[in-house]
Each structure stands twice: as structure tokens, then as C-alpha cells.
Amino acid sequence: MLEALDEALKRAGLSDAAASQLAVGNPSAIKNLRMQKGAVKRYNYLTLAKLANVLGMELYFGPPRQFAPSDASQEEADDQEFVKVRRYDVKLSAGPGLNGDNSAPLAPVAFRAAWMTSAGLIADKCCVLGVQGDSMLPTLSDGDLVLVDERQTTLRDRGVYAFVDVTGDARIKRLERLDDQLLIRSDNPDHAIEIRKPAEANLIRLIGKVVWSGHSWR
């Protein structure tokens, strides 16, 4: 302990007497600590605490220790670095159609807040859904997850959209307006283009535009 004390005094540029005077108002405090009093030394706790405070030490008497952040601190840091996006138990059909009535919420998906901001996305205006089928290969595979921006419900540039078809099926396709008709395109050339006449096209409900996908490796 005395070795640690000497190192702290050296760092602080203080003598025994000066540090003692600052700590307890008595220039002899450290001198008394150095005196041999029998086989076992006994130290006054309050004196040690005050000396530690003056010398920038912890009461364990040694150089200040570096601690890893607590779990609570780490969770707070993570909360600032990531945002959580709602995820639903809906598999968007990349094929002929899959009923989307089962939309139970699942555990949310975390995205980096900086990435969401740079992409112009707002977490509570997005949702994460699953993909089923092969008609959107090679862009999307069966089992992939997609991030859907629910604000983007105006068709642009043959974008990929999640939507509810006139049959009530939840689907994912490239959508394109052609006059009053709606073209439903697949990226897989084995699947033909579907056409919705004006009356049907007006009944389709857009969930939003796909802005990110995560591939499921098998």
C-alpha cells in the first residue's frame, strides 16, 4: 500500500506533509502511516479515504482502475446505436399468392440507426416481412426477410412492392402502371406477367416499397 501511495504522491507532485494537510488538516497523517507499530500495521479508514480523494486514487489504494461498461450501460449504448422495426408473421408470396390474414407480431428486428437515417427511413413507419416462393429470383429467395417502407405507396420505376392482391393474398412483386392497368412482374423469367384491369387494380392495397432484403442461407 505504501508503494502505491508513493507513486500517487509522485504523480501529484506532493510531499507527505502537503498531501496529509490537504486530506485531514494534519501534516503528520502519512508520516504516521509509515511508522512501524508492532508486527501488524493498522490504518484509519477515514484517513485513507481522504488521502485517496486528494491523490486521485480509489480506496483499494492503487492507480484508478478501468472497468468494462455495465450491462445497463451497454444496453443504453445499444439502444442509441440501433432502432427496432416491427416484424410480422406474414410471408409475402413471390408466387401466385398466399393469404396474409395471419399477421401476428414477432420479435422486432434491429437496424443501425445511422443506416436508417442515411436511407431516409423511419423505424416506426417500416415493417419487416418474410418472403415465400421463387418468382422473384434472383433478387429475392424463399425465406428472405424484407424491410418495407410503409410510407411509399405510390408506384415508381418498376419498384418491388409488398401488397395485398384483390384475392386478399399478401404478395411481393415488381409493380408498374400502364394506363389504367397494373402490371405485376416477376424477376424470375419462368413466371408470366399478370395484368389487373382498372376495376381490380383499384382494389389492390399497397403495404409499401421494399427497401432492403436479408438473404437466408441454407
Protein backbone atom coordinates (compact mmCIF):
# COMPACT_ATOMS: atom_id res chain seq x y z
CA MET A 1 0.00 0.00 0.00
CA LEU A 2 2.83 2.38 0.82
CA GLU A 3 4.36 1.77 -2.62
CA ALA A 4 1.09 2.77 -4.26
CA LEU A 5 0.94 5.81 -2.01
CA ASP A 6 4.48 6.88 -3.01
CA GLU A 7 3.58 6.56 -6.72
CA ALA A 8 0.46 8.68 -6.22
CA LEU A 9 2.41 11.35 -4.34
CA LYS A 10 4.93 11.47 -7.16
CA ARG A 11 2.20 11.84 -9.80
CA ALA A 12 0.54 14.59 -7.78
CA GLY A 13 3.83 16.35 -7.00
CA LEU A 14 3.04 16.46 -3.29
CA SER A 15 5.08 15.74 -0.21
CA ASP A 16 3.87 13.57 2.65
CA ALA A 17 3.12 16.63 4.72
CA ALA A 18 1.34 18.56 1.93
CA ALA A 19 -0.91 15.67 0.99
CA SER A 20 -1.68 14.98 4.65
CA GLN A 21 -2.55 18.62 5.29
CA LEU A 22 -4.91 18.68 2.27
CA ALA A 23 -6.58 15.44 3.28
CA VAL A 24 -7.08 15.74 7.02
CA GLY A 25 -5.66 19.10 8.05
CA ASN A 26 -2.73 17.42 9.78
CA PRO A 27 0.73 17.22 8.16
CA SER A 28 1.59 14.01 10.04
CA ALA A 29 -1.06 11.63 8.65
CA ILE A 30 1.19 9.89 6.09
CA LYS A 31 4.14 10.02 8.48
CA ASN A 32 2.07 8.08 10.99
CA LEU A 33 1.16 5.51 8.30
CA ARG A 34 4.82 4.89 7.61
CA MET A 35 5.70 4.28 11.26
CA GLN A 36 6.11 0.69 12.33
CA LYS A 37 3.77 -0.15 15.18
CA GLY A 38 4.34 -3.76 16.07
CA ALA A 39 4.08 -6.70 13.69
CA VAL A 40 0.73 -5.63 12.17
CA LYS A 41 0.01 -2.17 10.78
CA ARG A 42 -3.44 -0.72 11.42
CA TYR A 43 -4.80 2.12 9.28
CA ASN A 44 -7.63 4.54 9.94
CA TYR A 45 -10.27 4.04 7.22
CA LEU A 46 -11.44 7.65 7.09
CA THR A 47 -7.87 8.91 6.79
CA LEU A 48 -7.19 6.54 3.93
CA ALA A 49 -10.41 7.59 2.19
CA LYS A 50 -9.50 11.28 2.40
CA LEU A 51 -5.95 10.65 1.17
CA ALA A 52 -7.31 8.63 -1.76
CA ASN A 53 -9.59 11.51 -2.69
CA VAL A 54 -6.77 14.07 -2.60
CA LEU A 55 -4.40 11.86 -4.60
CA GLY A 56 -6.92 10.78 -7.26
CA MET A 57 -6.94 7.19 -6.09
CA GLU A 58 -9.59 4.62 -5.23
CA LEU A 59 -9.86 3.33 -1.71
CA TYR A 60 -8.49 -0.03 -2.72
CA PHE A 61 -5.25 2.01 -2.89
CA GLY A 62 -3.78 1.73 -6.33
CA PRO A 63 -3.92 3.52 -9.67
CA PRO A 64 -7.51 4.17 -10.86
CA ARG A 65 -8.95 1.03 -12.47
CA GLN A 66 -10.67 0.82 -15.84
CA PHE A 67 -13.97 -1.04 -15.74
CA ALA A 68 -15.93 -2.52 -18.62
CA PRO A 69 -19.34 -0.87 -19.01
CA SER A 70 -22.12 -2.46 -17.01
CA ASP A 71 -24.83 -4.43 -18.77
CA ALA A 72 -27.19 -1.50 -18.25
CA SER A 73 -24.69 0.94 -19.80
CA GLN A 74 -24.14 -1.38 -22.75
CA GLU A 75 -27.87 -1.76 -23.29
CA GLU A 76 -28.25 2.03 -23.23
CA ALA A 77 -25.44 2.37 -25.80
CA ASP A 78 -27.06 -0.32 -27.97
CA ASP A 79 -30.41 1.47 -27.74
CA GLN A 80 -28.77 4.59 -29.14
CA GLU A 81 -26.93 2.72 -31.90
CA PHE A 82 -29.83 0.55 -33.05
CA VAL A 83 -33.53 1.02 -33.73
CA LYS A 84 -36.11 -1.74 -33.68
CA VAL A 85 -38.51 -2.32 -36.56
CA ARG A 86 -41.79 -4.21 -36.21
CA ARG A 87 -41.84 -7.71 -37.68
CA TYR A 88 -44.98 -9.65 -38.53
CA ASP A 89 -45.66 -13.31 -39.17
CA VAL A 90 -46.57 -12.64 -42.80
CA LYS A 91 -44.88 -14.43 -45.68
CA LEU A 92 -45.22 -12.40 -48.86
CA SER A 93 -45.82 -14.77 -51.70
CA ALA A 94 -43.38 -14.44 -54.57
CA GLY A 95 -45.59 -16.91 -56.40
CA PRO A 96 -49.32 -16.99 -57.14
CA GLY A 97 -50.46 -15.76 -53.75
CA LEU A 98 -50.53 -16.52 -50.05
CA ASN A 99 -53.20 -15.35 -47.66
CA GLY A 100 -51.88 -12.63 -45.37
CA ASP A 101 -54.56 -12.73 -42.68
CA ASN A 102 -52.13 -14.21 -40.14
CA SER A 103 -50.25 -11.06 -39.26
CA ALA A 104 -49.26 -11.81 -35.66
CA PRO A 105 -46.33 -9.71 -34.41
CA LEU A 106 -42.95 -11.39 -33.96
CA ALA A 107 -39.79 -10.19 -32.21
CA PRO A 108 -38.67 -6.89 -33.78
CA VAL A 109 -35.56 -6.65 -35.97
CA ALA A 110 -32.76 -4.24 -35.04
CA PHE A 111 -31.20 -1.97 -37.66
CA ARG A 112 -28.39 0.51 -37.20
CA ALA A 113 -29.88 3.93 -36.52
CA ALA A 114 -27.24 5.67 -38.67
CA TRP A 115 -28.07 3.46 -41.66
CA MET A 116 -31.80 4.07 -41.29
CA THR A 117 -31.22 7.82 -41.16
CA SER A 118 -28.91 7.80 -44.18
CA ALA A 119 -31.51 5.84 -46.14
CA GLY A 120 -34.25 8.29 -45.18
CA LEU A 121 -36.17 5.61 -43.26
CA ILE A 122 -38.18 5.96 -40.05
CA ALA A 123 -38.34 2.86 -37.87
CA ASP A 124 -41.98 3.14 -36.85
CA LYS A 125 -43.01 3.71 -40.48
CA CYS A 126 -41.41 0.43 -41.60
CA CYS A 127 -42.05 -3.25 -41.05
CA VAL A 128 -40.19 -6.50 -41.67
CA LEU A 129 -41.90 -9.36 -43.50
CA GLY A 130 -40.85 -12.74 -44.88
CA VAL A 131 -40.72 -13.98 -48.48
CA GLN A 132 -42.05 -17.29 -49.76
CA GLY A 133 -41.67 -18.71 -53.26
CA ASP A 134 -39.21 -18.41 -56.17
CA SER A 135 -40.80 -15.99 -58.64
CA MET A 136 -38.57 -13.10 -57.52
CA LEU A 137 -35.31 -14.98 -58.02
CA PRO A 138 -32.52 -13.95 -58.21
CA THR A 139 -33.48 -10.73 -56.41
CA LEU A 140 -35.30 -12.44 -53.55
CA SER A 141 -35.18 -16.03 -52.38
CA ASP A 142 -37.57 -18.17 -50.44
CA GLY A 143 -37.08 -17.45 -46.73
CA ASP A 144 -35.61 -13.96 -47.16
CA LEU A 145 -36.64 -11.05 -44.95
CA VAL A 146 -37.56 -7.70 -46.45
CA LEU A 147 -37.77 -4.23 -44.94
CA VAL A 148 -40.84 -2.41 -46.22
CA ASP A 149 -41.23 1.39 -46.10
CA GLU A 150 -44.94 1.81 -45.44
CA ARG A 151 -44.85 5.48 -46.48
CA GLN A 152 -44.03 4.61 -50.09
CA THR A 153 -47.36 3.64 -51.58
CA THR A 154 -47.01 5.44 -54.92
CA LEU A 155 -45.69 3.23 -57.72
CA ARG A 156 -42.33 4.34 -59.13
CA ASP A 157 -39.80 2.91 -61.60
CA ARG A 158 -40.98 -0.71 -61.50
CA GLY A 159 -40.08 -0.92 -57.83
CA VAL A 160 -40.59 -4.03 -55.72
CA TYR A 161 -43.64 -3.66 -53.51
CA ALA A 162 -45.41 -5.63 -50.83
CA PHE A 163 -49.14 -5.54 -51.44
CA VAL A 164 -52.45 -7.25 -50.78
CA ASP A 165 -53.99 -8.51 -54.01
CA VAL A 166 -57.69 -8.44 -54.87
CA THR A 167 -57.93 -12.02 -53.56
CA GLY A 168 -56.65 -10.96 -50.13
CA ASP A 169 -53.28 -12.61 -50.72
CA ALA A 170 -50.13 -10.89 -49.44
CA ARG A 171 -47.61 -10.74 -52.28
CA ILE A 172 -44.30 -9.22 -53.33
CA LYS A 173 -43.66 -8.24 -56.97
CA ARG A 174 -42.50 -5.50 -59.29
CA LEU A 175 -45.47 -3.28 -60.00
CA GLU A 176 -45.95 -0.96 -62.94
CA ARG A 177 -48.81 1.24 -64.06
CA LEU A 178 -49.70 1.06 -67.75
CA ASP A 179 -52.50 3.48 -68.49
CA ASP A 180 -55.27 2.35 -66.12
CA GLN A 181 -53.95 -1.17 -65.83
CA LEU A 182 -51.49 -2.60 -63.30
CA LEU A 183 -48.71 -4.93 -64.42
CA ILE A 184 -47.47 -7.44 -61.86
CA ARG A 185 -43.99 -8.61 -62.85
CA SER A 186 -41.73 -11.37 -61.53
CA ASP A 187 -37.92 -11.25 -61.73
CA ASN A 188 -37.89 -14.96 -62.49
CA PRO A 189 -38.49 -15.24 -66.29
CA ASP A 190 -40.32 -18.53 -65.77
CA HIS A 191 -43.26 -16.58 -64.36
CA ALA A 192 -45.56 -14.67 -66.71
CA ILE A 193 -46.60 -11.05 -66.29
CA GLU A 194 -50.00 -10.64 -64.65
CA ILE A 195 -52.38 -7.84 -65.64
CA ARG A 196 -55.02 -6.24 -63.45
CA LYS A 197 -57.78 -4.31 -65.19
CA PRO A 198 -58.73 -0.89 -63.76
CA ALA A 199 -61.54 -2.20 -61.57
CA GLU A 200 -59.23 -4.79 -59.98
CA ALA A 201 -56.18 -2.52 -59.88
CA ASN A 202 -58.05 -0.03 -57.72
CA LEU A 203 -58.77 -2.74 -55.15
CA ILE A 204 -55.10 -3.64 -54.60
CA ARG A 205 -53.72 -2.29 -51.33
CA LEU A 206 -50.04 -1.40 -51.24
CA ILE A 207 -48.28 -2.22 -47.97
CA GLY A 208 -45.17 -0.36 -49.03
CA LYS A 209 -41.98 -0.44 -51.06
CA VAL A 210 -39.21 -2.94 -50.36
CA VAL A 211 -36.06 -1.01 -49.42
CA TRP A 212 -33.82 -3.79 -48.04
CA SER A 213 -33.64 -7.55 -48.04
CA GLY A 214 -31.77 -10.08 -45.93
CA HIS A 215 -30.90 -13.39 -47.54
CA SER A 216 -31.47 -16.63 -45.71
CA TRP A 217 -28.55 -19.01 -46.36
CA ARG A 218 -29.29 -22.70 -46.33
